[in-house]
Amino acid sequence: MTTPPTTTTTQTSTEKDAKEQPWHAFFPAPRTTHPKVVKREDVLAMLKSGTTDRPGRDFLLVDVRRNDHEGGTIRSSLNLPAQSLYHGIPTLYALATAASVPLVVFYCGSCNGRGPRAAGWFADYIDDQARTRTQDSTDGETAPQVQQVQMQSAILEGGIKGWVAGGEEYVKLVDGFEREVWEKTKTTK
């Protein structure tokens, strides 16, 4: 009696390499490697002012966490995970432009990786759009008479971890705040 052949699955080296690469390896590196940094105190002041700085009008907070999006998010933030953000940058830019938002602040856990990368991509896109407008105007094309906002891309210094570490004044402005998640984060360091 012969034994039936066993089937084994083997991974090609390309499949294995693809699984081992970080998520951002599939996108171009941002040209802007050191985006503007906004201190948590400044964001706190913007959120608390209410009348002079309005979320969604005067600034936009973008939380780029995905799997670690737990414990809450800073009030008024949009959650646009960095892993899927790159292809949505033109849409984000169009929305921010239509709303005349001058400042888009990205943050992740600590703003050491995803936040700066996302802010860099967005800053690159802002630069590309400005260059295109300049090129169009020098080529003699008639550009639509739309007031252009001087938009800036930035990161939140310290990310959400830095925000929560700021104390109760900051924690009050975290929607969906889960103290036990942050306590667990402290003990795993």
N, C-alpha and C. Protein backbone atom coordinates (compact mmCIF):
# COMPACT_ATOMS: atom_id res chain seq x y z
N MET A 1 0.84 -1.17 0.00
CA MET A 1 0.00 0.00 0.00
C MET A 1 0.89 1.24 0.00
N THR A 2 0.62 2.12 -0.89
CA THR A 2 1.43 3.33 -0.98
C THR A 2 0.76 4.46 -0.23
N THR A 3 1.57 5.29 0.32
CA THR A 3 1.07 6.44 1.05
C THR A 3 0.78 7.57 0.07
N PRO A 4 -0.36 8.23 0.21
CA PRO A 4 -0.65 9.33 -0.72
C PRO A 4 0.37 10.45 -0.53
N PRO A 5 0.68 11.13 -1.60
CA PRO A 5 1.64 12.23 -1.46
C PRO A 5 1.06 13.32 -0.56
N THR A 6 1.93 13.89 0.24
CA THR A 6 1.48 14.99 1.10
C THR A 6 1.60 16.29 0.33
N THR A 7 0.68 17.15 0.62
CA THR A 7 0.74 18.46 -0.02
C THR A 7 1.24 19.46 1.01
N THR A 8 2.16 20.20 0.61
CA THR A 8 2.67 21.25 1.48
C THR A 8 2.52 22.57 0.75
N THR A 9 2.28 23.56 1.53
CA THR A 9 2.21 24.89 0.93
C THR A 9 3.52 25.59 1.23
N THR A 10 4.05 26.15 0.22
CA THR A 10 5.28 26.90 0.40
C THR A 10 5.04 28.34 0.00
N GLN A 11 5.66 29.20 0.73
CA GLN A 11 5.55 30.61 0.42
C GLN A 11 6.69 30.97 -0.52
N THR A 12 6.35 31.74 -1.51
CA THR A 12 7.42 32.24 -2.36
C THR A 12 8.16 33.31 -1.58
N SER A 13 9.37 33.58 -2.00
CA SER A 13 10.14 34.61 -1.28
C SER A 13 9.47 35.97 -1.42
N THR A 14 8.78 36.21 -2.52
CA THR A 14 8.09 37.49 -2.70
C THR A 14 6.95 37.62 -1.69
N GLU A 15 6.17 36.56 -1.49
CA GLU A 15 5.09 36.59 -0.51
C GLU A 15 5.63 36.79 0.90
N LYS A 16 6.72 36.12 1.20
CA LYS A 16 7.32 36.23 2.53
C LYS A 16 7.85 37.65 2.75
N ASP A 17 8.55 38.20 1.74
CA ASP A 17 9.08 39.56 1.86
C ASP A 17 7.96 40.57 2.05
N ALA A 18 6.85 40.38 1.31
CA ALA A 18 5.72 41.31 1.41
C ALA A 18 5.13 41.30 2.82
N LYS A 19 5.09 40.13 3.45
CA LYS A 19 4.54 40.03 4.79
C LYS A 19 5.46 40.63 5.84
N GLU A 20 6.74 40.65 5.58
CA GLU A 20 7.70 41.14 6.56
C GLU A 20 7.95 42.63 6.46
N GLN A 21 7.53 43.25 5.37
CA GLN A 21 7.76 44.67 5.19
C GLN A 21 6.76 45.48 6.00
N PRO A 22 7.18 46.64 6.48
CA PRO A 22 6.23 47.49 7.20
C PRO A 22 5.17 48.04 6.23
N TRP A 23 4.04 48.42 6.77
CA TRP A 23 2.93 48.89 5.95
C TRP A 23 3.32 50.03 5.02
N HIS A 24 4.20 50.91 5.49
CA HIS A 24 4.53 52.10 4.70
C HIS A 24 5.51 51.82 3.57
N ALA A 25 6.06 50.62 3.52
CA ALA A 25 7.01 50.27 2.45
C ALA A 25 6.33 50.25 1.08
N PHE A 26 5.02 50.17 1.05
CA PHE A 26 4.28 50.10 -0.20
C PHE A 26 3.89 51.47 -0.74
N PHE A 27 4.30 52.52 -0.04
CA PHE A 27 4.00 53.89 -0.45
C PHE A 27 5.31 54.66 -0.58
N PRO A 28 5.32 55.74 -1.34
CA PRO A 28 6.55 56.53 -1.43
C PRO A 28 6.86 57.21 -0.09
N ALA A 29 8.13 57.38 0.16
CA ALA A 29 8.54 58.10 1.37
C ALA A 29 8.16 59.57 1.19
N PRO A 30 7.70 60.22 2.25
CA PRO A 30 7.37 61.64 2.11
C PRO A 30 8.64 62.46 1.87
N ARG A 31 8.52 63.48 1.04
CA ARG A 31 9.64 64.41 0.84
C ARG A 31 9.82 65.28 2.07
N THR A 32 8.72 65.63 2.70
CA THR A 32 8.75 66.43 3.93
C THR A 32 8.98 65.47 5.09
N THR A 33 10.19 65.50 5.61
CA THR A 33 10.54 64.54 6.67
C THR A 33 10.46 65.14 8.07
N HIS A 34 10.38 66.45 8.17
CA HIS A 34 10.26 67.10 9.48
C HIS A 34 9.11 68.10 9.43
N PRO A 35 7.87 67.59 9.54
CA PRO A 35 6.73 68.51 9.47
C PRO A 35 6.69 69.44 10.68
N LYS A 36 5.92 70.50 10.51
CA LYS A 36 5.71 71.46 11.60
C LYS A 36 5.18 70.70 12.81
N VAL A 37 5.58 71.12 14.00
CA VAL A 37 5.15 70.49 15.25
C VAL A 37 4.27 71.48 16.01
N VAL A 38 3.11 71.02 16.44
CA VAL A 38 2.21 71.84 17.25
C VAL A 38 2.21 71.27 18.66
N LYS A 39 2.44 72.12 19.63
CA LYS A 39 2.47 71.67 21.03
C LYS A 39 1.05 71.37 21.53
N ARG A 40 0.97 70.44 22.47
CA ARG A 40 -0.34 70.08 23.00
C ARG A 40 -1.03 71.27 23.66
N GLU A 41 -0.25 72.16 24.26
CA GLU A 41 -0.82 73.34 24.90
C GLU A 41 -1.54 74.21 23.88
N ASP A 42 -0.97 74.30 22.68
CA ASP A 42 -1.59 75.11 21.63
C ASP A 42 -2.88 74.48 21.13
N VAL A 43 -2.89 73.15 20.97
CA VAL A 43 -4.12 72.46 20.55
C VAL A 43 -5.17 72.59 21.65
N LEU A 44 -4.77 72.46 22.90
CA LEU A 44 -5.70 72.62 24.02
C LEU A 44 -6.34 74.00 23.97
N ALA A 45 -5.52 75.02 23.78
CA ALA A 45 -6.05 76.39 23.71
C ALA A 45 -7.02 76.54 22.53
N MET A 46 -6.70 75.92 21.39
CA MET A 46 -7.60 76.00 20.24
C MET A 46 -8.93 75.32 20.54
N LEU A 47 -8.88 74.17 21.19
CA LEU A 47 -10.11 73.44 21.50
C LEU A 47 -10.95 74.17 22.55
N LYS A 48 -10.30 74.82 23.50
CA LYS A 48 -11.02 75.48 24.58
C LYS A 48 -11.55 76.85 24.18
N SER A 49 -10.93 77.50 23.19
CA SER A 49 -11.35 78.86 22.85
C SER A 49 -12.77 78.89 22.31
N GLY A 50 -13.14 77.89 21.53
CA GLY A 50 -14.51 77.78 21.06
C GLY A 50 -14.98 78.82 20.08
N THR A 51 -14.64 80.07 20.30
CA THR A 51 -15.14 81.12 19.40
C THR A 51 -14.12 81.54 18.37
N THR A 52 -12.86 81.59 18.75
CA THR A 52 -11.86 82.04 17.78
C THR A 52 -11.29 80.89 16.96
N ASP A 53 -11.13 79.73 17.56
CA ASP A 53 -10.61 78.56 16.85
C ASP A 53 -11.66 77.47 16.89
N ARG A 54 -12.22 77.18 15.74
CA ARG A 54 -13.29 76.19 15.67
C ARG A 54 -12.80 74.93 14.97
N PRO A 55 -12.95 73.76 15.63
CA PRO A 55 -12.55 72.51 14.98
C PRO A 55 -13.34 72.32 13.69
N GLY A 56 -12.65 71.88 12.66
CA GLY A 56 -13.30 71.67 11.37
C GLY A 56 -13.38 72.91 10.52
N ARG A 57 -13.07 74.07 11.09
CA ARG A 57 -13.05 75.34 10.35
C ARG A 57 -11.67 75.97 10.42
N ASP A 58 -11.15 76.11 11.62
CA ASP A 58 -9.86 76.77 11.81
C ASP A 58 -8.71 75.78 11.94
N PHE A 59 -9.04 74.56 12.24
CA PHE A 59 -8.04 73.49 12.31
C PHE A 59 -8.76 72.16 12.22
N LEU A 60 -8.00 71.14 11.86
CA LEU A 60 -8.55 69.79 11.76
C LEU A 60 -7.57 68.84 12.41
N LEU A 61 -8.06 68.00 13.32
CA LEU A 61 -7.24 66.98 13.96
C LEU A 61 -7.50 65.65 13.28
N VAL A 62 -6.43 64.96 12.91
CA VAL A 62 -6.55 63.67 12.24
C VAL A 62 -5.78 62.62 13.03
N ASP A 63 -6.51 61.67 13.59
CA ASP A 63 -5.94 60.56 14.36
C ASP A 63 -5.65 59.44 13.36
N VAL A 64 -4.38 59.11 13.16
CA VAL A 64 -4.00 58.11 12.15
C VAL A 64 -3.76 56.72 12.73
N ARG A 65 -4.20 56.49 13.97
CA ARG A 65 -4.06 55.15 14.57
C ARG A 65 -5.08 54.20 13.94
N ARG A 66 -4.72 52.93 13.91
CA ARG A 66 -5.63 51.91 13.39
C ARG A 66 -5.84 50.85 14.46
N ASN A 67 -4.98 49.86 14.51
CA ASN A 67 -5.14 48.75 15.47
C ASN A 67 -5.04 49.22 16.92
N ASP A 68 -4.29 50.27 17.14
CA ASP A 68 -4.12 50.77 18.51
C ASP A 68 -5.05 51.95 18.80
N HIS A 69 -6.11 52.09 18.01
CA HIS A 69 -7.08 53.17 18.22
C HIS A 69 -8.02 52.75 19.35
N GLU A 70 -7.52 52.88 20.55
CA GLU A 70 -8.30 52.51 21.73
C GLU A 70 -7.99 53.50 22.83
N GLY A 71 -8.84 53.57 23.79
CA GLY A 71 -8.61 54.47 24.90
C GLY A 71 -9.17 55.85 24.68
N GLY A 72 -9.70 56.11 23.48
CA GLY A 72 -10.29 57.41 23.18
C GLY A 72 -9.52 58.16 22.13
N THR A 73 -10.10 59.27 21.72
CA THR A 73 -9.49 60.12 20.70
C THR A 73 -9.74 61.58 21.08
N ILE A 74 -8.86 62.45 20.70
CA ILE A 74 -9.00 63.86 21.05
C ILE A 74 -10.26 64.42 20.39
N ARG A 75 -11.03 65.16 21.17
CA ARG A 75 -12.30 65.72 20.71
C ARG A 75 -12.16 66.38 19.34
N SER A 76 -13.10 66.11 18.49
CA SER A 76 -13.26 66.64 17.13
C SER A 76 -12.36 65.97 16.10
N SER A 77 -11.57 64.98 16.51
CA SER A 77 -10.65 64.31 15.58
C SER A 77 -11.39 63.41 14.61
N LEU A 78 -10.83 63.32 13.41
CA LEU A 78 -11.24 62.31 12.45
C LEU A 78 -10.28 61.15 12.59
N ASN A 79 -10.77 59.92 12.49
CA ASN A 79 -9.87 58.77 12.51
C ASN A 79 -9.69 58.30 11.07
N LEU A 80 -8.51 58.56 10.53
CA LEU A 80 -8.13 58.14 9.18
C LEU A 80 -6.83 57.36 9.31
N PRO A 81 -6.90 56.04 9.45
CA PRO A 81 -5.69 55.24 9.68
C PRO A 81 -4.61 55.48 8.63
N ALA A 82 -3.39 55.62 9.10
CA ALA A 82 -2.25 55.89 8.21
C ALA A 82 -2.11 54.84 7.13
N GLN A 83 -2.45 53.60 7.46
CA GLN A 83 -2.28 52.50 6.52
C GLN A 83 -3.15 52.66 5.27
N SER A 84 -4.22 53.43 5.36
CA SER A 84 -5.09 53.65 4.20
C SER A 84 -5.21 55.12 3.83
N LEU A 85 -4.43 55.97 4.45
CA LEU A 85 -4.54 57.42 4.23
C LEU A 85 -3.98 57.88 2.89
N TYR A 86 -2.88 57.29 2.46
CA TYR A 86 -2.14 57.82 1.31
C TYR A 86 -3.04 58.09 0.10
N HIS A 87 -3.88 57.14 -0.25
CA HIS A 87 -4.73 57.30 -1.44
C HIS A 87 -5.89 58.27 -1.19
N GLY A 88 -6.16 58.60 0.05
CA GLY A 88 -7.23 59.53 0.37
C GLY A 88 -6.77 60.96 0.57
N ILE A 89 -5.48 61.20 0.44
CA ILE A 89 -4.95 62.55 0.66
C ILE A 89 -5.58 63.59 -0.27
N PRO A 90 -5.76 63.31 -1.57
CA PRO A 90 -6.42 64.32 -2.42
C PRO A 90 -7.82 64.68 -1.92
N THR A 91 -8.56 63.70 -1.43
CA THR A 91 -9.91 63.98 -0.91
C THR A 91 -9.84 64.80 0.37
N LEU A 92 -8.93 64.43 1.28
CA LEU A 92 -8.76 65.19 2.51
C LEU A 92 -8.39 66.63 2.19
N TYR A 93 -7.48 66.81 1.24
CA TYR A 93 -7.07 68.15 0.83
C TYR A 93 -8.26 68.93 0.26
N ALA A 94 -9.04 68.28 -0.60
CA ALA A 94 -10.20 68.95 -1.21
C ALA A 94 -11.21 69.38 -0.14
N LEU A 95 -11.45 68.52 0.83
CA LEU A 95 -12.38 68.85 1.91
C LEU A 95 -11.85 70.01 2.76
N ALA A 96 -10.57 69.94 3.12
CA ALA A 96 -9.97 71.01 3.93
C ALA A 96 -9.95 72.32 3.16
N THR A 97 -9.68 72.25 1.87
CA THR A 97 -9.67 73.46 1.04
C THR A 97 -11.08 74.04 0.94
N ALA A 98 -12.07 73.20 0.68
CA ALA A 98 -13.45 73.67 0.56
C ALA A 98 -13.94 74.33 1.85
N ALA A 99 -13.46 73.83 2.99
CA ALA A 99 -13.85 74.39 4.28
C ALA A 99 -12.91 75.51 4.73
N SER A 100 -11.92 75.84 3.92
CA SER A 100 -10.93 76.88 4.24
C SER A 100 -10.19 76.60 5.54
N VAL A 101 -9.88 75.34 5.78
CA VAL A 101 -9.15 74.94 6.99
C VAL A 101 -7.66 75.24 6.78
N PRO A 102 -7.07 76.10 7.60
CA PRO A 102 -5.67 76.45 7.38
C PRO A 102 -4.65 75.51 8.02
N LEU A 103 -5.08 74.67 8.97
CA LEU A 103 -4.13 73.82 9.70
C LEU A 103 -4.71 72.43 9.88
N VAL A 104 -3.96 71.42 9.41
CA VAL A 104 -4.35 70.02 9.59
C VAL A 104 -3.27 69.38 10.46
N VAL A 105 -3.66 68.90 11.64
CA VAL A 105 -2.73 68.34 12.61
C VAL A 105 -2.95 66.83 12.70
N PHE A 106 -1.91 66.08 12.39
CA PHE A 106 -1.97 64.61 12.43
C PHE A 106 -1.35 64.12 13.73
N TYR A 107 -1.89 63.03 14.25
CA TYR A 107 -1.26 62.40 15.42
C TYR A 107 -1.52 60.91 15.43
N CYS A 108 -0.61 60.21 16.09
CA CYS A 108 -0.75 58.76 16.30
C CYS A 108 -0.50 58.52 17.78
N GLY A 109 0.06 57.39 18.12
CA GLY A 109 0.34 57.09 19.53
C GLY A 109 1.32 58.07 20.14
N SER A 110 2.48 58.22 19.52
CA SER A 110 3.51 59.09 20.09
C SER A 110 4.09 60.08 19.08
N CYS A 111 3.62 60.04 17.86
CA CYS A 111 4.09 60.92 16.77
C CYS A 111 5.57 60.71 16.45
N ASN A 112 5.96 59.44 16.42
CA ASN A 112 7.31 59.10 16.01
C ASN A 112 7.35 58.38 14.67
N GLY A 113 6.21 58.00 14.13
CA GLY A 113 6.20 57.22 12.89
C GLY A 113 5.05 57.60 11.97
N ARG A 114 3.87 57.10 12.30
CA ARG A 114 2.71 57.30 11.43
C ARG A 114 2.31 58.77 11.32
N GLY A 115 2.26 59.47 12.43
CA GLY A 115 1.86 60.88 12.41
C GLY A 115 2.77 61.72 11.52
N PRO A 116 4.09 61.67 11.74
CA PRO A 116 4.99 62.44 10.88
C PRO A 116 4.93 62.00 9.41
N ARG A 117 4.77 60.72 9.17
CA ARG A 117 4.69 60.23 7.78
C ARG A 117 3.43 60.79 7.12
N ALA A 118 2.29 60.71 7.80
CA ALA A 118 1.04 61.23 7.25
C ALA A 118 1.13 62.74 7.03
N ALA A 119 1.67 63.45 8.01
CA ALA A 119 1.82 64.91 7.87
C ALA A 119 2.77 65.24 6.73
N GLY A 120 3.81 64.43 6.57
CA GLY A 120 4.75 64.64 5.46
C GLY A 120 4.09 64.45 4.11
N TRP A 121 3.31 63.39 3.97
CA TRP A 121 2.59 63.17 2.71
C TRP A 121 1.64 64.32 2.42
N PHE A 122 0.94 64.77 3.47
CA PHE A 122 -0.03 65.85 3.27
C PHE A 122 0.70 67.15 2.92
N ALA A 123 1.81 67.43 3.58
CA ALA A 123 2.61 68.63 3.25
C ALA A 123 3.11 68.55 1.81
N ASP A 124 3.54 67.38 1.39
CA ASP A 124 3.99 67.19 0.01
C ASP A 124 2.85 67.49 -0.96
N TYR A 125 1.66 67.03 -0.64
CA TYR A 125 0.51 67.25 -1.51
C TYR A 125 0.16 68.74 -1.58
N ILE A 126 0.22 69.41 -0.43
CA ILE A 126 -0.02 70.86 -0.41
C ILE A 126 0.99 71.56 -1.32
N ASP A 127 2.27 71.19 -1.20
CA ASP A 127 3.32 71.78 -2.04
C ASP A 127 3.07 71.49 -3.52
N ASP A 128 2.68 70.26 -3.83
CA ASP A 128 2.41 69.89 -5.22
C ASP A 128 1.26 70.72 -5.79
N GLN A 129 0.22 70.95 -4.99
CA GLN A 129 -0.92 71.74 -5.46
C GLN A 129 -0.51 73.19 -5.68
N ALA A 130 0.30 73.73 -4.79
CA ALA A 130 0.78 75.11 -4.95
C ALA A 130 1.64 75.23 -6.20
N ARG A 131 2.47 74.24 -6.44
CA ARG A 131 3.34 74.23 -7.62
C ARG A 131 2.49 74.15 -8.90
N THR A 132 1.45 73.33 -8.87
CA THR A 132 0.55 73.19 -10.02
C THR A 132 -0.16 74.51 -10.30
N ARG A 133 -0.65 75.18 -9.24
CA ARG A 133 -1.31 76.48 -9.43
C ARG A 133 -0.34 77.49 -10.02
N THR A 134 0.90 77.50 -9.52
CA THR A 134 1.91 78.42 -10.03
C THR A 134 2.20 78.11 -11.49
N GLN A 135 2.37 76.85 -11.81
CA GLN A 135 2.64 76.43 -13.19
C GLN A 135 1.49 76.83 -14.11
N ASP A 136 0.25 76.58 -13.67
CA ASP A 136 -0.91 76.94 -14.48
C ASP A 136 -0.96 78.44 -14.74
N SER A 137 -0.65 79.25 -13.73
CA SER A 137 -0.73 80.69 -13.91
C SER A 137 0.39 81.20 -14.82
N THR A 138 1.54 80.55 -14.80
CA THR A 138 2.63 80.98 -15.69
C THR A 138 2.45 80.46 -17.10
N ASP A 139 1.66 79.42 -17.28
CA ASP A 139 1.37 78.88 -18.61
C ASP A 139 0.26 79.65 -19.30
N GLY A 140 -0.32 80.62 -18.61
CA GLY A 140 -1.37 81.42 -19.20
C GLY A 140 -2.75 80.81 -19.10
N GLU A 141 -2.87 79.70 -18.40
CA GLU A 141 -4.20 79.10 -18.23
C GLU A 141 -5.01 79.94 -17.27
N THR A 142 -6.28 79.98 -17.52
CA THR A 142 -7.16 80.71 -16.63
C THR A 142 -7.58 79.78 -15.51
N ALA A 143 -7.11 80.09 -14.34
CA ALA A 143 -7.47 79.28 -13.17
C ALA A 143 -8.76 79.81 -12.57
N PRO A 144 -9.57 78.94 -12.01
CA PRO A 144 -10.80 79.42 -11.38
C PRO A 144 -10.46 80.39 -10.25
N GLN A 145 -11.29 81.39 -10.09
CA GLN A 145 -11.05 82.40 -9.07
C GLN A 145 -11.54 81.90 -7.71
N VAL A 146 -10.76 81.03 -7.13
CA VAL A 146 -11.08 80.48 -5.81
C VAL A 146 -10.02 81.00 -4.85
N GLN A 147 -10.48 81.51 -3.73
CA GLN A 147 -9.52 82.00 -2.75
C GLN A 147 -8.76 80.81 -2.19
N GLN A 148 -7.45 80.83 -2.34
CA GLN A 148 -6.63 79.72 -1.87
C GLN A 148 -6.22 79.95 -0.42
N VAL A 149 -6.40 78.93 0.37
CA VAL A 149 -6.04 78.98 1.78
C VAL A 149 -4.57 78.61 1.90
N GLN A 150 -3.85 79.29 2.76
CA GLN A 150 -2.47 78.91 3.05
C GLN A 150 -2.54 77.78 4.07
N MET A 151 -2.68 76.57 3.57
CA MET A 151 -2.85 75.41 4.44
C MET A 151 -1.50 74.89 4.92
N GLN A 152 -1.48 74.44 6.17
CA GLN A 152 -0.28 73.84 6.74
C GLN A 152 -0.60 72.44 7.26
N SER A 153 0.40 71.59 7.18
CA SER A 153 0.32 70.23 7.71
C SER A 153 1.26 70.16 8.90
N ALA A 154 0.80 69.54 9.98
CA ALA A 154 1.62 69.49 11.20
C ALA A 154 1.35 68.19 11.95
N ILE A 155 2.18 67.96 12.98
CA ILE A 155 1.95 66.84 13.89
C ILE A 155 1.74 67.39 15.30
N LEU A 156 1.05 66.61 16.11
CA LEU A 156 0.86 66.94 17.51
C LEU A 156 2.04 66.38 18.29
N GLU A 157 2.78 67.26 18.93
CA GLU A 157 3.94 66.82 19.70
C GLU A 157 3.52 65.79 20.75
N GLY A 158 4.18 64.62 20.71
CA GLY A 158 3.92 63.57 21.69
C GLY A 158 2.74 62.67 21.38
N GLY A 159 1.96 63.01 20.35
CA GLY A 159 0.81 62.20 19.98
C GLY A 159 -0.23 62.12 21.08
N ILE A 160 -1.10 61.13 20.99
CA ILE A 160 -2.16 60.98 22.00
C ILE A 160 -1.59 60.61 23.36
N LYS A 161 -0.47 59.89 23.37
CA LYS A 161 0.14 59.54 24.66
C LYS A 161 0.61 60.80 25.37
N GLY A 162 1.23 61.71 24.63
CA GLY A 162 1.64 62.98 25.22
C GLY A 162 0.45 63.81 25.68
N TRP A 163 -0.62 63.74 24.90
CA TRP A 163 -1.85 64.47 25.24
C TRP A 163 -2.40 63.97 26.58
N VAL A 164 -2.56 62.66 26.71
CA VAL A 164 -3.12 62.08 27.94
C VAL A 164 -2.18 62.33 29.12
N ALA A 165 -0.87 62.30 28.88
CA ALA A 165 0.10 62.55 29.94
C ALA A 165 0.02 63.99 30.46
N GLY A 166 -0.62 64.87 29.70
CA GLY A 166 -0.78 66.26 30.12
C GLY A 166 -1.66 66.44 31.35
N GLY A 167 -2.42 65.42 31.69
CA GLY A 167 -3.24 65.49 32.89
C GLY A 167 -4.72 65.65 32.62
N GLU A 168 -5.44 65.87 33.70
CA GLU A 168 -6.91 65.88 33.65
C GLU A 168 -7.48 66.92 32.69
N GLU A 169 -6.84 68.05 32.59
CA GLU A 169 -7.32 69.10 31.68
C GLU A 169 -7.36 68.59 30.23
N TYR A 170 -6.40 67.75 29.87
CA TYR A 170 -6.34 67.17 28.53
C TYR A 170 -7.29 65.98 28.40
N VAL A 171 -7.31 65.15 29.43
CA VAL A 171 -8.14 63.95 29.43
C VAL A 171 -9.62 64.31 29.26
N LYS A 172 -10.04 65.46 29.82
CA LYS A 172 -11.44 65.90 29.68
C LYS A 172 -11.83 66.07 28.22
N LEU A 173 -10.85 66.28 27.36
CA LEU A 173 -11.11 66.50 25.94
C LEU A 173 -10.79 65.27 25.10
N VAL A 174 -10.83 64.10 25.73
CA VAL A 174 -10.65 62.84 25.00
C VAL A 174 -12.01 62.16 24.96
N ASP A 175 -12.59 62.11 23.77
CA ASP A 175 -13.88 61.43 23.61
C ASP A 175 -13.66 59.92 23.71
N GLY A 176 -14.53 59.25 24.46
CA GLY A 176 -14.41 57.81 24.64
C GLY A 176 -13.23 57.41 25.51
N PHE A 177 -12.80 58.31 26.40
CA PHE A 177 -11.64 58.03 27.25
C PHE A 177 -11.87 56.79 28.10
N GLU A 178 -10.90 55.89 28.07
CA GLU A 178 -10.95 54.66 28.86
C GLU A 178 -9.70 54.64 29.75
N ARG A 179 -9.88 55.05 30.98
CA ARG A 179 -8.75 55.17 31.91
C ARG A 179 -7.97 53.86 32.03
N GLU A 180 -8.67 52.71 32.05
CA GLU A 180 -7.99 51.42 32.22
C GLU A 180 -7.04 51.13 31.06
N VAL A 181 -7.36 51.59 29.87
CA VAL A 181 -6.45 51.40 28.72
C VAL A 181 -5.16 52.17 28.96
N TRP A 182 -5.29 53.40 29.45
CA TRP A 182 -4.11 54.23 29.67
C TRP A 182 -3.30 53.74 30.87
N GLU A 183 -3.98 53.21 31.88
CA GLU A 183 -3.27 52.63 33.02
C GLU A 183 -2.46 51.42 32.57
N LYS A 184 -3.05 50.60 31.71
CA LYS A 184 -2.36 49.42 31.18
C LYS A 184 -1.15 49.84 30.35
N THR A 185 -1.28 50.92 29.60
CA THR A 185 -0.18 51.43 28.78
C THR A 185 1.00 51.83 29.67
N LYS A 186 0.70 52.45 30.81
CA LYS A 186 1.76 52.87 31.74
C LYS A 186 2.52 51.67 32.29
N THR A 187 1.81 50.58 32.59
CA THR A 187 2.46 49.43 33.22
C THR A 187 3.24 48.58 32.24
N THR A 188 2.99 48.71 30.94
CA THR A 188 3.72 47.90 29.96
C THR A 188 4.99 48.58 29.48
N LYS A 189 5.25 49.76 29.95
CA LYS A 189 6.46 50.47 29.52
C LYS A 189 7.67 49.96 30.25
